[in-house]
PDB file of N, CA and C in Angstrom:
ATOM      1  N   UNK A   1      72.247 195.823-144.850  1.00  0.00           N
ATOM      2  CA  UNK A   1      73.176 195.438-143.778  1.00  0.00           C
ATOM      3  C   UNK A   1      73.348 193.869-145.283  1.00  0.00           C
ATOM      4  N   UNK A   2      73.648 193.453-145.656  1.00  0.00           N
ATOM      5  CA  UNK A   2      73.819 192.283-146.560  1.00  0.00           C
ATOM      6  C   UNK A   2      73.361 190.729-146.244  1.00  0.00           C
ATOM      7  N   UNK A   3      73.345 190.026-147.509  1.00  0.00           N
ATOM      8  CA  UNK A   3      72.461 188.941-147.241  1.00  0.00           C
ATOM      9  C   UNK A   3      73.691 188.062-146.447  1.00  0.00           C
ATOM     10  N   UNK A   4      74.493 188.166-146.104  1.00  0.00           N
ATOM     11  CA  UNK A   4      75.513 186.816-145.368  1.00  0.00           C
ATOM     12  C   UNK A   4      75.355 187.486-144.066  1.00  0.00           C
ATOM     13  N   UNK A   5      75.459 188.630-143.578  1.00  0.00           N
ATOM     14  CA  UNK A   5      75.106 188.753-142.514  1.00  0.00           C
ATOM     15  C   UNK A   5      73.915 188.876-141.729  1.00  0.00           C
ATOM     16  N   UNK A   6      72.518 188.803-142.613  1.00  0.00           N
ATOM     17  CA  UNK A   6      71.072 188.476-142.461  1.00  0.00           C
ATOM     18  C   UNK A   6      71.000 187.019-142.113  1.00  0.00           C
ATOM     19  N   UNK A   7      71.372 186.377-143.518  1.00  0.00           N
ATOM     20  CA  UNK A   7      71.783 184.671-143.846  1.00  0.00           C
ATOM     21  C   UNK A   7      72.235 184.379-141.940  1.00  0.00           C
ATOM     22  N   UNK A   8      73.267 185.293-141.144  1.00  0.00           N
ATOM     23  CA  UNK A   8      73.964 184.993-140.104  1.00  0.00           C
ATOM     24  C   UNK A   8      73.502 185.239-138.964  1.00  0.00           C
ATOM     25  N   UNK A   9      72.579 186.454-139.085  1.00  0.00           N
ATOM     26  CA  UNK A   9      72.264 186.907-137.780  1.00  0.00           C
ATOM     27  C   UNK A   9      71.098 185.682-137.846  1.00  0.00           C
ATOM     28  N   UNK A  10      70.330 185.159-138.628  1.00  0.00           N
ATOM     29  CA  UNK A  10      69.401 184.371-138.895  1.00  0.00           C
ATOM     30  C   UNK A  10      69.448 183.009-138.157  1.00  0.00           C
ATOM     31  N   UNK A  11      70.203 182.760-138.690  1.00  0.00           N
ATOM     32  CA  UNK A  11      71.434 181.284-138.283  1.00  0.00           C
ATOM     33  C   UNK A  11      71.406 181.604-136.350  1.00  0.00           C
ATOM     34  N   UNK A  12      72.050 182.389-135.519  1.00  0.00           N
ATOM     35  CA  UNK A  12      72.183 182.605-134.479  1.00  0.00           C
ATOM     36  C   UNK A  12      70.771 182.331-134.007  1.00  0.00           C
ATOM     37  N   UNK A  13      70.377 183.878-134.141  1.00  0.00           N
ATOM     38  CA  UNK A  13      68.563 183.332-133.624  1.00  0.00           C
ATOM     39  C   UNK A  13      67.990 181.910-133.890  1.00  0.00           C
ATOM     40  N   UNK A  14      68.607 181.259-134.979  1.00  0.00           N
ATOM     41  CA  UNK A  14      67.747 179.786-134.808  1.00  0.00           C
ATOM     42  C   UNK A  14      67.848 178.727-133.818  1.00  0.00           C
ATOM     43  N   UNK A  15      69.629 179.234-133.559  1.00  0.00           N
ATOM     44  CA  UNK A  15      70.092 178.202-132.823  1.00  0.00           C
ATOM     45  C   UNK A  15      70.452 178.223-131.718  1.00  0.00           C
ATOM     46  N   UNK A  16      69.977 179.666-130.680  1.00  0.00           N
ATOM     47  CA  UNK A  16      69.276 180.426-129.540  1.00  0.00           C
ATOM     48  C   UNK A  16      68.439 179.714-129.602  1.00  0.00           C
ATOM     49  N   UNK A  17      67.262 179.271-130.548  1.00  0.00           N
ATOM     50  CA  UNK A  17      66.221 179.371-130.153  1.00  0.00           C
ATOM     51  C   UNK A  17      65.653 177.429-129.951  1.00  0.00           C
ATOM     52  N   UNK A  18      66.652 176.724-130.149  1.00  0.00           N
ATOM     53  CA  UNK A  18      66.860 175.782-130.283  1.00  0.00           C
ATOM     54  C   UNK A  18      67.389 175.090-129.112  1.00  0.00           C
ATOM     55  N   UNK A  19      68.872 175.983-128.523  1.00  0.00           N
ATOM     56  CA  UNK A  19      69.241 175.486-127.637  1.00  0.00           C
ATOM     57  C   UNK A  19      67.938 175.239-126.074  1.00  0.00           C
ATOM     58  N   UNK A  20      68.544 174.054-125.691  1.00  0.00           N
ATOM     59  CA  UNK A  20      67.365 173.948-124.220  1.00  0.00           C
ATOM     60  C   UNK A  20      68.701 173.304-122.917  1.00  0.00           C
ATOM     61  N   UNK A  21      68.299 173.040-121.901  1.00  0.00           N
ATOM     62  CA  UNK A  21      68.830 172.734-120.800  1.00  0.00           C
ATOM     63  C   UNK A  21      67.909 170.895-120.739  1.00  0.00           C
ATOM     64  N   UNK A  22      68.995 169.943-120.655  1.00  0.00           N
ATOM     65  CA  UNK A  22      68.197 168.674-120.926  1.00  0.00           C
ATOM     66  C   UNK A  22      69.499 167.936-119.817  1.00  0.00           C
ATOM     67  N   UNK A  23      68.501 167.124-119.621  1.00  0.00           N
ATOM     68  CA  UNK A  23      69.096 166.837-118.231  1.00  0.00           C
ATOM     69  C   UNK A  23      70.288 165.051-119.046  1.00  0.00           C
ATOM     70  N   UNK A  24      71.679 164.795-118.157  1.00  0.00           N
ATOM     71  CA  UNK A  24      72.662 163.910-119.251  1.00  0.00           C
ATOM     72  C   UNK A  24      71.433 162.620-119.352  1.00  0.00           C
ATOM     73  N   UNK A  25      70.787 162.248-118.333  1.00  0.00           N
ATOM     74  CA  UNK A  25      70.536 160.862-118.653  1.00  0.00           C
ATOM     75  C   UNK A  25      69.263 160.873-120.070  1.00  0.00           C
ATOM     76  N   UNK A  26      68.844 162.521-120.471  1.00  0.00           N
ATOM     77  CA  UNK A  26      67.867 161.697-121.815  1.00  0.00           C
ATOM     78  C   UNK A  26      69.121 161.967-122.643  1.00  0.00           C
ATOM     79  N   UNK A  27      70.179 161.890-123.239  1.00  0.00           N
ATOM     80  CA  UNK A  27      71.175 162.203-123.522  1.00  0.00           C
ATOM     81  C   UNK A  27      71.739 160.995-124.077  1.00  0.00           C
ATOM     82  N   UNK A  28      71.415 160.081-123.074  1.00  0.00           N
ATOM     83  CA  UNK A  28      72.479 158.746-122.886  1.00  0.00           C
ATOM     84  C   UNK A  28      72.592 157.909-124.436  1.00  0.00           C
ATOM     85  N   UNK A  29      71.390 157.473-125.080  1.00  0.00           N
ATOM     86  CA  UNK A  29      71.448 157.212-126.494  1.00  0.00           C
ATOM     87  C   UNK A  29      72.756 157.501-127.718  1.00  0.00           C
ATOM     88  N   UNK A  30      72.466 158.791-127.194  1.00  0.00           N
ATOM     89  CA  UNK A  30      73.340 160.001-128.230  1.00  0.00           C
ATOM     90  C   UNK A  30      74.929 159.921-127.999  1.00  0.00           C
ATOM     91  N   UNK A  31      75.163 159.686-126.187  1.00  0.00           N
ATOM     92  CA  UNK A  31      76.922 159.837-125.925  1.00  0.00           C
ATOM     93  C   UNK A  31      76.941 158.127-126.249  1.00  0.00           C
ATOM     94  N   UNK A  32      76.074 157.070-125.880  1.00  0.00           N
ATOM     95  CA  UNK A  32      77.030 155.672-126.977  1.00  0.00           C
ATOM     96  C   UNK A  32      77.024 155.380-127.894  1.00  0.00           C
ATOM     97  N   UNK A  33      75.972 156.289-128.879  1.00  0.00           N
ATOM     98  CA  UNK A  33      76.588 156.418-130.210  1.00  0.00           C
ATOM     99  C   UNK A  33      77.868 157.107-130.730  1.00  0.00           C
ATOM    100  N   UNK A  34      77.784 157.696-129.709  1.00  0.00           N
ATOM    101  CA  UNK A  34      79.695 158.561-129.982  1.00  0.00           C
ATOM    102  C   UNK A  34      79.072 159.781-130.370  1.00  0.00           C
ATOM    103  N   UNK A  35      78.284 160.715-130.882  1.00  0.00           N
ATOM    104  CA  UNK A  35      78.041 161.502-131.399  1.00  0.00           C
ATOM    105  C   UNK A  35      77.691 163.083-129.953  1.00  0.00           C
ATOM    106  N   UNK A  36      77.944 162.682-128.607  1.00  0.00           N
ATOM    107  CA  UNK A  36      77.854 164.146-128.202  1.00  0.00           C
ATOM    108  C   UNK A  36      79.150 164.524-127.557  1.00  0.00           C
ATOM    109  N   UNK A  37      79.130 166.176-128.581  1.00  0.00           N
ATOM    110  CA  UNK A  37      80.893 166.973-127.709  1.00  0.00           C
ATOM    111  C   UNK A  37      80.354 167.856-126.960  1.00  0.00           C
ATOM    112  N   UNK A  38      81.334 167.586-126.118  1.00  0.00           N
ATOM    113  CA  UNK A  38      81.249 168.902-124.780  1.00  0.00           C
ATOM    114  C   UNK A  38      82.154 169.940-125.227  1.00  0.00           C
ATOM    115  N   UNK A  39      81.147 170.905-124.949  1.00  0.00           N
ATOM    116  CA  UNK A  39      82.000 172.653-125.549  1.00  0.00           C
ATOM    117  C   UNK A  39      82.672 172.958-123.665  1.00  0.00           C
ATOM    118  N   UNK A  40      83.747 173.299-123.746  1.00  0.00           N
ATOM    119  CA  UNK A  40      84.241 174.028-122.481  1.00  0.00           C
ATOM    120  C   UNK A  40      83.073 175.070-122.044  1.00  0.00           C
ATOM    121  N   UNK A  41      82.935 175.322-120.708  1.00  0.00           N
ATOM    122  CA  UNK A  41      82.274 176.336-120.018  1.00  0.00           C
ATOM    123  C   UNK A  41      82.565 177.552-120.354  1.00  0.00           C
ATOM    124  N   UNK A  42      83.920 177.988-120.776  1.00  0.00           N
ATOM    125  CA  UNK A  42      83.777 179.558-121.497  1.00  0.00           C
ATOM    126  C   UNK A  42      84.017 179.618-122.606  1.00  0.00           C
ATOM    127  N   UNK A  43      83.945 178.291-123.737  1.00  0.00           N
ATOM    128  CA  UNK A  43      83.564 178.807-125.069  1.00  0.00           C
ATOM    129  C   UNK A  43      81.941 179.113-125.366  1.00  0.00           C
ATOM    130  N   UNK A  44      81.987 179.666-126.349  1.00  0.00           N
ATOM    131  CA  UNK A  44      80.332 180.376-127.159  1.00  0.00           C
ATOM    132  C   UNK A  44      79.920 178.985-127.818  1.00  0.00           C
ATOM    133  N   UNK A  45      79.092 178.230-127.406  1.00  0.00           N
ATOM    134  CA  UNK A  45      78.139 176.809-127.467  1.00  0.00           C
ATOM    135  C   UNK A  45      77.792 177.634-129.005  1.00  0.00           C
ATOM    136  N   UNK A  46      77.234 178.715-128.933  1.00  0.00           N
ATOM    137  CA  UNK A  46      76.131 179.004-130.710  1.00  0.00           C
ATOM    138  C   UNK A  46      77.898 179.048-131.531  1.00  0.00           C
ATOM    139  N   UNK A  47      78.932 179.801-131.271  1.00  0.00           N
ATOM    140  CA  UNK A  47      79.914 179.898-132.517  1.00  0.00           C
ATOM    141  C   UNK A  47      80.340 178.471-132.720  1.00  0.00           C
ATOM    142  N   UNK A  48      80.350 177.117-131.855  1.00  0.00           N
ATOM    143  CA  UNK A  48      80.754 176.106-131.688  1.00  0.00           C
ATOM    144  C   UNK A  48      80.107 175.004-132.886  1.00  0.00           C
ATOM    145  N   UNK A  49      78.359 175.724-132.735  1.00  0.00           N
ATOM    146  CA  UNK A  49      77.324 175.169-133.804  1.00  0.00           C
ATOM    147  C   UNK A  49      77.535 175.573-134.819  1.00  0.00           C
ATOM    148  N   UNK A  50      77.873 176.797-134.847  1.00  0.00           N
ATOM    149  CA  UNK A  50      77.863 177.790-136.461  1.00  0.00           C
ATOM    150  C   UNK A  50      79.036 176.806-137.368  1.00  0.00           C
ATOM    151  N   UNK A  51      80.078 176.950-137.266  1.00  0.00           N
ATOM    152  CA  UNK A  51      81.373 176.112-137.573  1.00  0.00           C
ATOM    153  C   UNK A  51      81.177 174.732-137.621  1.00  0.00           C
ATOM    154  N   UNK A  52      80.341 174.181-136.905  1.00  0.00           N
ATOM    155  CA  UNK A  52      80.054 172.650-137.452  1.00  0.00           C
ATOM    156  C   UNK A  52      78.782 172.786-138.539  1.00  0.00           C
ATOM    157  N   UNK A  53      77.936 173.447-138.738  1.00  0.00           N
ATOM    158  CA  UNK A  53      76.774 173.686-139.217  1.00  0.00           C
ATOM    159  C   UNK A  53      77.190 174.073-140.423  1.00  0.00           C
ATOM    160  N   UNK A  54      78.642 174.917-140.576  1.00  0.00           N
ATOM    161  CA  UNK A  54      79.409 175.117-141.591  1.00  0.00           C
ATOM    162  C   UNK A  54      80.063 175.078-142.095  1.00  0.00           C
ATOM    163  N   UNK A  55      80.605 173.062-141.506  1.00  0.00           N
ATOM    164  CA  UNK A  55      81.896 172.430-141.817  1.00  0.00           C
ATOM    165  C   UNK A  55      82.663 173.269-141.997  1.00  0.00           C
ATOM    166  N   UNK A  56      83.068 174.356-140.972  1.00  0.00           N
ATOM    167  CA  UNK A  56      84.249 174.350-140.961  1.00  0.00           C
ATOM    168  C   UNK A  56      85.544 173.640-140.207  1.00  0.00           C
ATOM    169  N   UNK A  57      85.658 172.971-141.231  1.00  0.00           N
ATOM    170  CA  UNK A  57      87.098 172.111-140.135  1.00  0.00           C
ATOM    171  C   UNK A  57      87.969 172.477-139.849  1.00  0.00           C
ATOM    172  N   UNK A  58      88.933 173.322-140.157  1.00  0.00           N
ATOM    173  CA  UNK A  58      89.894 174.147-139.575  1.00  0.00           C
ATOM    174  C   UNK A  58      88.988 174.442-138.123  1.00  0.00           C
ATOM    175  N   UNK A  59      88.279 175.166-137.904  1.00  0.00           N
ATOM    176  CA  UNK A  59      88.209 175.898-136.909  1.00  0.00           C
ATOM    177  C   UNK A  59      88.388 174.825-136.251  1.00  0.00           C
ATOM    178  N   UNK A  60      87.165 173.885-136.112  1.00  0.00           N
ATOM    179  CA  UNK A  60      86.682 172.984-135.390  1.00  0.00           C
ATOM    180  C   UNK A  60      88.080 171.886-134.857  1.00  0.00           C
ATOM    181  N   UNK A  61      88.795 171.707-135.841  1.00  0.00           N
ATOM    182  CA  UNK A  61      90.057 170.976-135.348  1.00  0.00           C
ATOM    183  C   UNK A  61      90.560 171.911-134.217  1.00  0.00           C
ATOM    184  N   UNK A  62      90.870 172.998-134.583  1.00  0.00           N
ATOM    185  CA  UNK A  62      91.949 173.776-133.775  1.00  0.00           C
ATOM    186  C   UNK A  62      90.603 173.991-131.777  1.00  0.00           C
ATOM    187  N   UNK A  63      89.503 173.824-131.936  1.00  0.00           N
ATOM    188  CA  UNK A  63      88.711 173.578-130.963  1.00  0.00           C
ATOM    189  C   UNK A  63      89.091 172.152-130.368  1.00  0.00           C
ATOM    190  N   UNK A  64      89.044 171.353-130.878  1.00  0.00           N
ATOM    191  CA  UNK A  64      89.509 170.279-130.508  1.00  0.00           C
ATOM    192  C   UNK A  64      90.832 170.278-130.071  1.00  0.00           C
ATOM    193  N   UNK A  65      91.976 170.341-130.776  1.00  0.00           N
ATOM    194  CA  UNK A  65      92.986 170.566-130.220  1.00  0.00           C
ATOM    195  C   UNK A  65      93.613 171.255-129.334  1.00  0.00           C
ATOM    196  N   UNK A  66      92.639 172.357-128.610  1.00  0.00           N
ATOM    197  CA  UNK A  66      93.011 173.173-127.487  1.00  0.00           C
ATOM    198  C   UNK A  66      92.005 172.836-125.871  1.00  0.00           C
ATOM    199  N   UNK A  67      91.091 171.752-126.535  1.00  0.00           N
ATOM    200  CA  UNK A  67      90.129 171.693-125.373  1.00  0.00           C
ATOM    201  C   UNK A  67      88.743 172.035-125.333  1.00  0.00           C
ATOM    202  N   UNK A  68      88.807 173.109-125.873  1.00  0.00           N
ATOM    203  CA  UNK A  68      87.574 173.681-126.222  1.00  0.00           C
ATOM    204  C   UNK A  68      85.992 172.866-126.754  1.00  0.00           C
ATOM    205  N   UNK A  69      86.425 172.001-127.771  1.00  0.00           N
ATOM    206  CA  UNK A  69      85.413 171.136-127.879  1.00  0.00           C
ATOM    207  C   UNK A  69      86.150 169.770-127.697  1.00  0.00           C
ATOM    208  N   UNK A  70      85.750 168.728-127.463  1.00  0.00           N
ATOM    209  CA  UNK A  70      86.301 167.663-127.041  1.00  0.00           C
ATOM    210  C   UNK A  70      84.981 166.112-127.046  1.00  0.00           C
ATOM    211  N   UNK A  71      85.371 165.145-127.153  1.00  0.00           N
ATOM    212  CA  UNK A  71      84.637 164.017-126.832  1.00  0.00           C
ATOM    213  C   UNK A  71      84.310 163.800-125.547  1.00  0.00           C
ATOM    214  N   UNK A  72      83.117 163.567-125.331  1.00  0.00           N
ATOM    215  CA  UNK A  72      82.513 163.265-123.543  1.00  0.00           C
ATOM    216  C   UNK A  72      83.284 162.004-123.053  1.00  0.00           C
ATOM    217  N   UNK A  73      84.026 162.048-121.933  1.00  0.00           N
ATOM    218  CA  UNK A  73      84.982 161.148-121.837  1.00  0.00           C
ATOM    219  C   UNK A  73      83.977 160.196-120.984  1.00  0.00           C
ATOM    220  N   UNK A  74      84.372 158.955-120.546  1.00  0.00           N
ATOM    221  CA  UNK A  74      83.528 158.237-119.374  1.00  0.00           C
ATOM    222  C   UNK A  74      83.097 158.354-118.230  1.00  0.00           C
ATOM    223  N   UNK A  75      84.626 159.121-117.963  1.00  0.00           N
ATOM    224  CA  UNK A  75      84.345 159.394-116.439  1.00  0.00           C
ATOM    225  C   UNK A  75      83.311 160.567-116.461  1.00  0.00           C
ATOM    226  N   UNK A  76      83.319 161.816-117.544  1.00  0.00           N
ATOM    227  CA  UNK A  76      82.686 162.646-117.439  1.00  0.00           C
ATOM    228  C   UNK A  76      80.849 162.283-117.165  1.00  0.00           C
ATOM    229  N   UNK A  77      80.560 161.337-118.326  1.00  0.00           N
ATOM    230  CA  UNK A  77      79.324 160.739-118.565  1.00  0.00           C
ATOM    231  C   UNK A  77      78.730 160.066-117.298  1.00  0.00           C
ATOM    232  N   UNK A  78      79.904 159.503-116.227  1.00  0.00           N
ATOM    233  CA  UNK A  78      79.717 158.583-115.229  1.00  0.00           C
ATOM    234  C   UNK A  78      79.160 159.549-114.512  1.00  0.00           C
ATOM    235  N   UNK A  79      80.041 160.881-113.860  1.00  0.00           N
ATOM    236  CA  UNK A  79      79.476 162.270-113.081  1.00  0.00           C
ATOM    237  C   UNK A  79      78.469 162.533-113.247  1.00  0.00           C
ATOM    238  N   UNK A  80      78.389 162.749-114.362  1.00  0.00           N
ATOM    239  CA  UNK A  80      77.063 163.656-115.342  1.00  0.00           C
ATOM    240  C   UNK A  80      75.467 163.094-114.472  1.00  0.00           C
ATOM    241  N   UNK A  81      76.369 161.292-115.298  1.00  0.00           N
ATOM    242  CA  UNK A  81      75.146 160.634-115.058  1.00  0.00           C
ATOM    243  C   UNK A  81      74.600 160.211-113.240  1.00  0.00           C
ATOM    244  N   UNK A  82      75.463 160.404-112.385  1.00  0.00           N
ATOM    245  CA  UNK A  82      75.173 160.347-111.155  1.00  0.00           C
ATOM    246  C   UNK A  82      74.837 161.449-110.444  1.00  0.00           C
ATOM    247  N   UNK A  83      74.844 162.249-110.980  1.00  0.00           N
ATOM    248  CA  UNK A  83      74.503 164.109-110.847  1.00  0.00           C
ATOM    249  C   UNK A  83      73.212 163.850-111.074  1.00  0.00           C
ATOM    250  N   UNK A  84      72.796 163.597-112.451  1.00  0.00           N
ATOM    251  CA  UNK A  84      71.791 163.611-112.959  1.00  0.00           C
ATOM    252  C   UNK A  84      71.695 165.233-113.667  1.00  0.00           C
ATOM    253  N   UNK A  85      72.711 165.227-113.890  1.00  0.00           N
ATOM    254  CA  UNK A  85      73.224 166.912-114.613  1.00  0.00           C
ATOM    255  C   UNK A  85      72.603 167.365-115.623  1.00  0.00           C
ATOM    256  N   UNK A  86      71.796 168.762-115.283  1.00  0.00           N
ATOM    257  CA  UNK A  86      71.541 169.202-116.252  1.00  0.00           C
ATOM    258  C   UNK A  86      72.403 170.151-117.677  1.00  0.00           C
ATOM    259  N   UNK A  87      72.299 169.930-118.632  1.00  0.00           N
ATOM    260  CA  UNK A  87      73.349 170.787-119.305  1.00  0.00           C
ATOM    261  C   UNK A  87      72.668 171.252-120.728  1.00  0.00           C
ATOM    262  N   UNK A  88      73.344 172.290-121.325  1.00  0.00           N
ATOM    263  CA  UNK A  88      72.743 173.555-122.470  1.00  0.00           C
ATOM    264  C   UNK A  88      73.081 172.411-123.317  1.00  0.00           C
ATOM    265  N   UNK A  89      72.103 171.937-124.347  1.00  0.00           N
ATOM    266  CA  UNK A  89      72.037 170.715-125.658  1.00  0.00           C
ATOM    267  C   UNK A  89      71.607 171.501-127.035  1.00  0.00           C
ATOM    268  N   UNK A  90      72.273 171.433-127.622  1.00  0.00           N
ATOM    269  CA  UNK A  90      71.984 171.688-128.764  1.00  0.00           C
ATOM    270  C   UNK A  90      72.412 170.663-130.255  1.00  0.00           C
ATOM    271  N   UNK A  91      71.074 170.753-131.214  1.00  0.00           N
ATOM    272  CA  UNK A  91      71.523 169.626-131.645  1.00  0.00           C
ATOM    273  C   UNK A  91      71.779 169.797-133.370  1.00  0.00           C
ATOM    274  N   UNK A  92      73.241 169.404-133.653  1.00  0.00           N
ATOM    275  CA  UNK A  92      73.646 169.749-135.238  1.00  0.00           C
ATOM    276  C   UNK A  92      74.198 168.399-135.558  1.00  0.00           C
ATOM    277  N   UNK A  93      73.196 168.197-136.483  1.00  0.00           N
ATOM    278  CA  UNK A  93      73.320 166.561-136.845  1.00  0.00           C
ATOM    279  C   UNK A  93      74.460 166.375-137.380  1.00  0.00           C
ATOM    280  N   UNK A  94      75.317 165.123-137.771  1.00  0.00           N
ATOM    281  CA  UNK A  94      74.851 164.113-136.057  1.00  0.00           C
ATOM    282  C   UNK A  94      75.642 164.296-134.777  1.00  0.00           C
ATOM    283  N   UNK A  95      75.540 165.404-134.685  1.00  0.00           N
ATOM    284  CA  UNK A  95      76.319 165.875-133.250  1.00  0.00           C
ATOM    285  C   UNK A  95      74.891 166.377-132.236  1.00  0.00           C
ATOM    286  N   UNK A  96      75.159 166.169-131.011  1.00  0.00           N
ATOM    287  CA  UNK A  96      74.790 166.666-130.470  1.00  0.00           C
ATOM    288  C   UNK A  96      76.098 167.531-129.100  1.00  0.00           C
ATOM    289  N   UNK A  97      75.933 169.029-129.085  1.00  0.00           N
ATOM    290  CA  UNK A  97      77.054 169.715-128.421  1.00  0.00           C
ATOM    291  C   UNK A  97      76.350 170.209-127.026  1.00  0.00           C
ATOM    292  N   UNK A  98      76.603 169.610-125.709  1.00  0.00           N
ATOM    293  CA  UNK A  98      76.462 169.840-124.419  1.00  0.00           C
ATOM    294  C   UNK A  98      77.438 170.702-124.092  1.00  0.00           C
ATOM    295  N   UNK A  99      76.968 171.688-122.683  1.00  0.00           N
ATOM    296  CA  UNK A  99      77.986 172.361-122.144  1.00  0.00           C
ATOM    297  C   UNK A  99      76.832 172.530-120.929  1.00  0.00           C
ATOM    298  N   UNK A 100      78.500 172.579-120.064  1.00  0.00           N
ATOM    299  CA  UNK A 100      77.930 172.707-117.992  1.00  0.00           C
ATOM    300  C   UNK A 100      77.535 174.390-118.325  1.00  0.00           C
ATOM    301  N   UNK A 101      76.518 174.491-117.117  1.00  0.00           N
ATOM    302  CA  UNK A 101      75.979 175.775-117.029  1.00  0.00           C
ATOM    303  C   UNK A 101      76.080 175.554-115.661  1.00  0.00           C
ATOM    304  N   UNK A 102      76.585 177.575-114.945  1.00  0.00           N
ATOM    305  CA  UNK A 102      76.848 177.215-114.053  1.00  0.00           C
ATOM    306  C   UNK A 102      75.916 177.071-112.377  1.00  0.00           C
TER     307      UNK A 102
END
């Protein structure tokens, strides 16, 4: 196995370990700072995190364009707040990625 795939596997393992469920209430300060990105239910949270980590701007822009990744809207935030929604979250500074779970 070459070092690139080993590095990728290590990154994937680390990101999986850092992913956790958290209530939307605990993410309010990050949302207020404009640093929360929502990852669509069908999208791969880890792949998005890797693209952000590696600064793969073209891929991230494509996801933003097709809606796979988006800024959390005020309407989403209010709904999640009202429901005290639990979300998958992963920090990729300066962003917090969130994804609804089933």
